[in-house]
Amino acid sequence: MGVFFEETSPVFGVLYVFFWL
């Protein structure tokens, strides 16, 4: 799912990582 978000929008990918951290 993380990859999907990253491909959809870089911003979402960064937010996803931040949430995990």
C-alpha atoms as a PDB file:
ATOM      1  CA  MET A   1       0.000   0.000   0.000  1.00  0.00           C
ATOM      2  CA  GLY A   2       2.882   2.337   0.762  1.00  0.00           C
ATOM      3  CA  VAL A   3       4.225   1.958  -2.764  1.00  0.00           C
ATOM      4  CA  PHE A   4       0.781   2.663  -4.225  1.00  0.00           C
ATOM      5  CA  PHE A   5       0.521   5.931  -2.316  1.00  0.00           C
ATOM      6  CA  GLU A   6       4.054   6.874  -3.276  1.00  0.00           C
ATOM      7  CA  GLU A   7       3.292   6.313  -6.950  1.00  0.00           C
ATOM      8  CA  THR A   8       0.036   8.229  -6.654  1.00  0.00           C
ATOM      9  CA  SER A   9       1.584  11.247  -4.963  1.00  0.00           C
ATOM     10  CA  PRO A  10       5.065  11.852  -3.463  1.00  0.00           C
ATOM     11  CA  VAL A  11       3.543  14.002  -0.737  1.00  0.00           C
ATOM     12  CA  PHE A  12       1.323  11.141   0.429  1.00  0.00           C
ATOM     13  CA  GLY A  13       4.353   8.843   0.484  1.00  0.00           C
ATOM     14  CA  VAL A  14       6.257  11.227   2.770  1.00  0.00           C
ATOM     15  CA  LEU A  15       3.262  11.585   5.078  1.00  0.00           C
ATOM     16  CA  TYR A  16       2.931   7.794   5.174  1.00  0.00           C
ATOM     17  CA  VAL A  17       6.546   7.435   6.327  1.00  0.00           C
ATOM     18  CA  PHE A  18       6.111  10.206   8.899  1.00  0.00           C
ATOM     19  CA  PHE A  19       3.039   8.466  10.331  1.00  0.00           C
ATOM     20  CA  TRP A  20       5.020   5.213  10.605  1.00  0.00           C
ATOM     21  CA  LEU A  21       7.850   7.020  12.400  1.00  0.00           C
END
